[in-house]
Amino acid sequence: MRRILVIRGGAIGDFILTLPALKLLRNGFPDARIEILGYKHIIALAENRFYAQATRSIEYGPLASFFSNQSELPAELADYFAGFDLVISYLFDPDHIFEANVRRCGVDNFIFANPKVDGNEHAARHLARPLEQLNLKLGRHAAELYPSEADRRAARDLFDVAPSSIIALHPGSGSAMKNWPIENWIALGDAVFSRQCPPARVVVVGGEADEIQLRRLESVWKDQEVFFAKNLPLPTLAALLEGSLFVGHDSGISHVAAATGARCLLLFGPSDPAIWAPANEQVQILRAPGGNLSALQFEAVREAFPTS
């Protein structure tokens, strides 16, 4: 295989959970040029950072024609797909319409990788299983990210401190049901501020989905020495979290932190950590009683919080 295209939509966590499959592919075909078609702000984590030499945005209007039966396919995209020896698609395509149209472009080697995790095994293993068609079998299923030196410089420009001196808190996620109550986050932060010895830099990270939580913490902690890292480019965020102490939920940002080697304490509610939690060694999971994060007591989290 000289040229391989991997198509991966989905959210941040979905992409991170696919990294073990991408690593399997990268190691299986070390001389191949691998390109990823996906959401640019997410797949930037992989571009020229071990996994892929190039990326392309999936948010491209003419691509819609590939989801219609017997549609007229744009010549530019037909030529693009035809340039690959292998296409692996994680797009939801139950009727295989997209696959049929890509094959119409002259692609003989196409693997449909069902993105819907069935719950019978860890998500990373499920997402890597289609590669067994290439005689590639997954061993370790922990995801890994490889920030570049440019990523690390960008993080240092924001916070002039070693990541190992950072306590990172991420109080949000993509779902309210996955969030520990904000009052508990306030209590946890207050406990951190009162016991920092030696001093650590507390950084609260978040994106657009976390705006309500971030505004509340900014108001409550306005007199504390705490820094808010909002909407950072994901490669910069990965470098910032690399080696940090991180506390978060079942979220894409938690998967990013774990994949950089951060020491993670992750609070899980309704989702099953056996399927969805990062598989990295330095990850500790606290599961809420009955899957209800409101029932997870502050004292349990405080006691589990790493002391160093």
Protein backbone atom coordinates (compact mmCIF):
# COMPACT_ATOMS: atom_id res chain seq x y z
CA MET A 1 0.00 0.00 0.00
CA ARG A 2 1.44 3.35 -1.03
CA ARG A 3 -1.45 5.70 -0.23
CA ILE A 4 -4.13 5.10 2.43
CA LEU A 5 -7.12 7.28 3.27
CA VAL A 6 -8.91 7.01 6.62
CA ILE A 7 -12.28 8.76 6.89
CA ARG A 8 -13.28 9.55 10.46
CA GLY A 9 -16.04 11.92 11.54
CA GLY A 10 -17.41 12.10 15.06
CA ALA A 11 -16.44 14.06 18.14
CA ILE A 12 -13.06 14.42 19.85
CA GLY A 13 -13.42 11.31 21.98
CA ASP A 14 -14.48 9.24 18.97
CA PHE A 15 -11.30 10.23 17.18
CA ILE A 16 -9.03 9.54 20.15
CA LEU A 17 -10.60 6.10 20.55
CA THR A 18 -9.70 5.43 16.91
CA LEU A 19 -6.02 6.25 17.44
CA PRO A 20 -5.05 2.68 18.44
CA ALA A 21 -6.42 1.53 15.06
CA LEU A 22 -4.51 4.31 13.30
CA LYS A 23 -1.33 3.33 15.11
CA LEU A 24 -1.85 -0.27 14.07
CA LEU A 25 -2.21 0.92 10.47
CA ARG A 26 0.81 3.23 10.71
CA ASN A 27 3.01 0.45 12.09
CA GLY A 28 1.64 -2.09 9.63
CA PHE A 29 2.40 0.11 6.62
CA PRO A 30 5.34 2.26 7.74
CA ASP A 31 6.19 3.46 4.23
CA ALA A 32 2.65 4.36 3.20
CA ARG A 33 1.37 7.92 2.95
CA ILE A 34 -1.65 8.09 5.25
CA GLU A 35 -4.22 10.86 4.95
CA ILE A 36 -7.22 11.49 7.21
CA LEU A 37 -10.51 12.98 6.07
CA GLY A 38 -12.40 14.42 9.02
CA TYR A 39 -13.08 17.53 11.07
CA LYS A 40 -9.96 19.64 10.68
CA HIS A 41 -9.79 20.97 14.23
CA ILE A 42 -9.85 17.38 15.57
CA ILE A 43 -7.70 15.52 13.07
CA ALA A 44 -5.03 18.20 13.48
CA LEU A 45 -4.01 16.10 16.50
CA ALA A 46 -2.70 13.48 14.04
CA GLU A 47 -1.36 15.54 11.14
CA ASN A 48 2.45 15.31 11.05
CA ARG A 49 2.28 13.96 14.57
CA PHE A 50 3.14 10.30 13.81
CA TYR A 51 -0.21 9.15 12.44
CA ALA A 52 -0.73 10.92 9.12
CA GLN A 53 1.17 13.03 6.63
CA ALA A 54 -1.88 15.03 5.59
CA THR A 55 -5.49 15.79 6.49
CA ARG A 56 -8.49 17.13 4.62
CA SER A 57 -11.75 18.61 5.87
CA ILE A 58 -14.89 16.51 5.67
CA GLU A 59 -16.93 19.72 5.79
CA TYR A 60 -16.94 20.15 2.03
CA GLY A 61 -20.23 20.67 0.21
CA PRO A 62 -19.58 18.56 -2.92
CA LEU A 63 -18.95 15.52 -0.73
CA ALA A 64 -22.72 15.34 -0.11
CA SER A 65 -23.21 13.84 -3.56
CA PHE A 66 -21.45 10.68 -2.36
CA PHE A 67 -24.38 9.94 -0.06
CA SER A 68 -26.96 9.74 -2.87
CA ASN A 69 -27.62 6.75 -5.08
CA GLN A 70 -26.24 7.06 -8.61
CA SER A 71 -25.56 10.77 -8.24
CA GLU A 72 -23.19 12.65 -10.49
CA LEU A 73 -19.88 12.64 -8.66
CA PRO A 74 -17.66 15.75 -8.75
CA ALA A 75 -14.63 15.03 -10.88
CA GLU A 76 -12.28 16.62 -8.39
CA LEU A 77 -13.42 14.31 -5.58
CA ALA A 78 -13.56 11.28 -7.86
CA ASP A 79 -9.91 11.87 -8.76
CA TYR A 80 -9.08 12.43 -5.10
CA PHE A 81 -10.51 9.08 -3.95
CA ALA A 82 -9.05 7.28 -6.96
CA GLY A 83 -5.59 8.35 -5.83
CA PHE A 84 -5.65 5.97 -2.85
CA ASP A 85 -4.77 2.29 -2.81
CA LEU A 86 -6.97 1.74 0.25
CA VAL A 87 -9.87 3.66 1.77
CA ILE A 88 -11.05 2.91 5.32
CA SER A 89 -14.30 4.63 6.23
CA TYR A 90 -15.73 5.10 9.72
CA LEU A 91 -18.73 6.97 8.35
CA PHE A 92 -22.22 5.79 9.26
CA ASP A 93 -23.23 4.17 5.99
CA PRO A 94 -25.76 1.40 6.76
CA ASP A 95 -26.89 1.08 3.15
CA HIS A 96 -23.31 1.31 1.82
CA ILE A 97 -24.25 4.14 -0.53
CA PHE A 98 -21.09 6.09 0.23
CA GLU A 99 -19.00 2.96 -0.26
CA ALA A 100 -20.62 2.24 -3.63
CA ASN A 101 -19.92 5.76 -4.85
CA VAL A 102 -16.30 5.65 -3.73
CA ARG A 103 -15.89 2.34 -5.53
CA ARG A 104 -17.36 4.00 -8.64
CA CYS A 105 -14.31 6.27 -8.55
CA GLY A 106 -12.06 3.26 -9.12
CA VAL A 107 -11.26 2.36 -5.51
CA ASP A 108 -10.95 -1.42 -5.32
CA ASN A 109 -9.80 -1.73 -1.71
CA PHE A 110 -12.44 -0.30 0.60
CA ILE A 111 -13.03 -1.23 4.25
CA PHE A 112 -16.25 -0.24 5.94
CA ALA A 113 -15.50 0.21 9.64
CA ASN A 114 -18.75 0.47 11.54
CA PRO A 115 -18.43 3.46 13.90
CA LYS A 116 -21.32 2.33 16.10
CA VAL A 117 -19.85 0.66 19.17
CA ASP A 118 -21.94 -2.37 20.12
CA GLY A 119 -21.00 -2.53 23.81
CA ASN A 120 -19.44 -5.98 23.72
CA GLU A 121 -15.85 -4.78 24.03
CA HIS A 122 -13.83 -1.63 24.61
CA ALA A 123 -14.56 0.98 21.94
CA ALA A 124 -10.93 1.12 20.79
CA ARG A 125 -10.93 -2.63 20.15
CA HIS A 126 -14.22 -2.41 18.27
CA LEU A 127 -12.86 0.39 16.07
CA ALA A 128 -9.66 -1.54 15.31
CA ARG A 129 -11.35 -4.85 14.53
CA PRO A 130 -12.01 -4.06 10.82
CA LEU A 131 -8.24 -3.88 10.29
CA GLU A 132 -8.06 -7.63 10.86
CA GLN A 133 -9.01 -7.80 7.17
CA LEU A 134 -5.44 -6.52 6.59
CA ASN A 135 -4.01 -9.08 9.04
CA LEU A 136 -3.51 -6.31 11.59
CA LYS A 137 -4.60 -7.30 15.10
CA LEU A 138 -4.70 -4.87 17.99
CA GLY A 139 -2.69 -5.60 21.11
CA ARG A 140 -2.51 -2.66 23.53
CA HIS A 141 -5.59 -0.48 23.15
CA ALA A 142 -4.50 2.68 24.98
CA ALA A 143 -4.51 5.77 22.75
CA GLU A 144 -1.40 7.92 22.47
CA LEU A 145 -0.85 11.47 21.23
CA TYR A 146 2.46 12.96 20.18
CA PRO A 147 2.52 16.76 20.52
CA SER A 148 5.11 18.46 18.35
CA GLU A 149 7.76 20.84 19.61
CA ALA A 150 5.74 23.66 18.03
CA ASP A 151 2.72 22.53 20.07
CA ARG A 152 4.81 22.59 23.24
CA ARG A 153 6.16 26.06 22.47
CA ALA A 154 2.60 27.31 21.94
CA ALA A 155 1.57 25.87 25.31
CA ARG A 156 4.60 27.41 27.05
CA ASP A 157 3.78 30.79 25.51
CA LEU A 158 0.40 30.61 27.26
CA PHE A 159 1.56 29.14 30.57
CA ASP A 160 5.25 29.45 31.29
CA VAL A 161 5.42 26.36 33.47
CA ALA A 162 6.20 22.68 33.04
CA PRO A 163 3.10 20.52 32.44
CA SER A 164 4.07 18.41 35.44
CA SER A 165 3.37 21.49 37.59
CA ILE A 166 -0.16 21.91 36.21
CA ILE A 167 -3.37 20.75 37.86
CA ALA A 168 -5.93 20.80 35.05
CA LEU A 169 -9.65 20.76 35.78
CA HIS A 170 -12.28 20.18 33.11
CA PRO A 171 -15.74 20.63 34.65
CA GLY A 172 -17.77 19.92 31.51
CA SER A 173 -18.53 17.36 28.82
CA GLY A 174 -20.84 16.94 25.90
CA SER A 175 -23.79 15.99 28.10
CA ALA A 176 -25.25 17.37 31.33
CA MET A 177 -25.80 13.79 32.54
CA LYS A 178 -22.03 13.23 32.43
CA ASN A 179 -21.25 16.28 34.58
CA TRP A 180 -20.52 16.30 38.30
CA PRO A 181 -22.49 19.17 39.93
CA ILE A 182 -20.67 22.49 39.67
CA GLU A 183 -20.90 23.06 43.43
CA ASN A 184 -18.72 19.98 43.90
CA TRP A 185 -16.19 21.33 41.41
CA ILE A 186 -16.07 24.58 43.39
CA ALA A 187 -15.43 22.64 46.60
CA LEU A 188 -12.74 20.55 44.91
CA GLY A 189 -11.00 23.63 43.55
CA ASP A 190 -11.12 25.32 46.96
CA ALA A 191 -9.52 22.23 48.49
CA VAL A 192 -6.77 22.34 45.85
CA PHE A 193 -6.08 26.03 46.46
CA SER A 194 -5.78 25.45 50.20
CA ARG A 195 -3.30 22.59 50.05
CA GLN A 196 -0.93 23.40 47.20
CA CYS A 197 2.50 22.43 48.49
CA PRO A 198 4.60 22.84 46.50
CA PRO A 199 2.55 25.39 44.54
CA ALA A 200 1.00 24.18 41.31
CA ARG A 201 -0.61 26.17 38.54
CA VAL A 202 -4.33 25.42 38.42
CA VAL A 203 -5.73 25.59 34.89
CA VAL A 204 -9.39 25.20 34.07
CA VAL A 205 -9.85 23.98 30.50
CA GLY A 206 -12.97 23.98 28.40
CA GLY A 207 -14.66 24.78 25.14
CA GLU A 208 -17.94 26.17 23.88
CA ALA A 209 -19.95 23.33 25.44
CA ASP A 210 -18.55 24.23 28.86
CA GLU A 211 -19.35 27.95 28.83
CA ILE A 212 -21.87 27.84 31.70
CA GLN A 213 -19.47 26.00 34.01
CA LEU A 214 -16.54 28.23 33.05
CA ARG A 215 -18.46 31.43 33.70
CA ARG A 216 -19.51 30.19 37.13
CA LEU A 217 -15.98 29.23 38.11
CA GLU A 218 -14.56 32.50 36.82
CA SER A 219 -17.00 34.35 39.04
CA VAL A 220 -16.44 32.23 42.16
CA TRP A 221 -12.65 32.08 41.79
CA LYS A 222 -12.07 35.66 40.65
CA ASP A 223 -9.67 36.24 43.58
CA GLN A 224 -7.79 32.94 43.17
CA GLU A 225 -4.66 32.36 41.15
CA VAL A 226 -6.34 30.18 38.58
CA PHE A 227 -6.03 30.34 34.81
CA PHE A 228 -8.73 29.60 32.26
CA ALA A 229 -7.73 27.95 28.98
CA LYS A 230 -10.74 28.33 26.69
CA ASN A 231 -11.15 26.97 23.18
CA LEU A 232 -7.47 26.22 22.67
CA PRO A 233 -6.47 24.50 19.43
CA LEU A 234 -6.44 20.82 20.29
CA PRO A 235 -2.73 20.28 19.53
CA THR A 236 -1.87 23.14 21.92
CA LEU A 237 -4.23 21.74 24.55
CA ALA A 238 -2.65 18.31 24.20
CA ALA A 239 0.79 19.80 24.82
CA LEU A 240 -0.52 21.75 27.81
CA LEU A 241 -1.99 18.60 29.38
CA GLU A 242 1.03 16.42 28.63
CA GLY A 243 2.23 15.09 31.97
CA SER A 244 -0.22 17.20 34.00
CA LEU A 245 -2.56 16.12 36.79
CA PHE A 246 -6.02 16.16 35.21
CA VAL A 247 -9.51 15.81 36.66
CA GLY A 248 -12.49 15.51 34.34
CA HIS A 249 -15.52 13.54 33.20
CA ASP A 250 -16.25 11.09 30.41
CA SER A 251 -15.36 13.59 27.68
CA GLY A 252 -13.22 14.06 24.62
CA ILE A 253 -10.88 16.37 26.54
CA SER A 254 -10.34 13.63 29.13
CA HIS A 255 -9.36 11.27 26.32
CA VAL A 256 -6.90 13.88 25.04
CA ALA A 257 -5.38 14.24 28.51
CA ALA A 258 -5.02 10.49 29.00
CA ALA A 259 -3.47 10.05 25.56
CA THR A 260 -0.75 12.58 26.42
CA GLY A 261 0.26 10.67 29.55
CA ALA A 262 -1.48 12.94 32.06
CA ARG A 263 -2.31 11.47 35.47
CA CYS A 264 -6.09 11.41 35.25
CA LEU A 265 -8.89 11.13 37.75
CA LEU A 266 -12.06 10.69 35.70
CA LEU A 267 -15.60 10.81 37.06
CA PHE A 268 -17.99 8.51 35.21
CA GLY A 269 -21.76 8.56 35.44
CA PRO A 270 -24.13 6.80 33.04
CA SER A 271 -21.54 5.60 30.52
CA ASP A 272 -19.73 2.30 31.07
CA PRO A 273 -16.00 2.84 31.69
CA ALA A 274 -15.27 -0.73 30.55
CA ILE A 275 -16.25 0.45 27.07
CA TRP A 276 -15.59 4.20 27.05
CA ALA A 277 -12.83 5.02 29.54
CA PRO A 278 -9.28 5.67 28.35
CA ALA A 279 -7.20 2.52 28.71
CA ASN A 280 -4.01 4.35 29.69
CA GLU A 281 -2.15 3.21 32.80
CA GLN A 282 -2.24 6.54 34.65
CA VAL A 283 -6.03 6.79 34.53
CA GLN A 284 -8.12 6.30 37.68
CA ILE A 285 -11.89 5.98 37.30
CA LEU A 286 -14.50 6.87 39.90
CA ARG A 287 -17.94 5.51 38.95
CA ALA A 288 -20.93 7.32 40.39
CA PRO A 289 -23.40 5.18 42.37
CA GLY A 290 -26.14 4.05 40.02
CA GLY A 291 -24.52 6.02 37.23
CA ASN A 292 -25.84 9.26 38.75
CA LEU A 293 -23.06 11.82 39.15
CA SER A 294 -25.16 13.81 41.61
CA ALA A 295 -24.76 10.85 43.95
CA LEU A 296 -20.95 10.89 43.76
CA GLN A 297 -19.90 12.47 47.04
CA PHE A 298 -17.31 15.23 47.19
CA GLU A 299 -15.40 13.37 49.91
CA ALA A 300 -14.90 10.35 47.64
CA VAL A 301 -13.36 12.53 44.94
CA ARG A 302 -11.23 14.49 47.41
CA GLU A 303 -9.85 11.26 48.85
CA ALA A 304 -9.06 9.90 45.36
CA PHE A 305 -7.41 13.15 44.24
CA PRO A 306 -3.69 12.45 43.70
CA THR A 307 -1.49 14.16 46.27
CA SER A 308 1.55 14.48 44.02
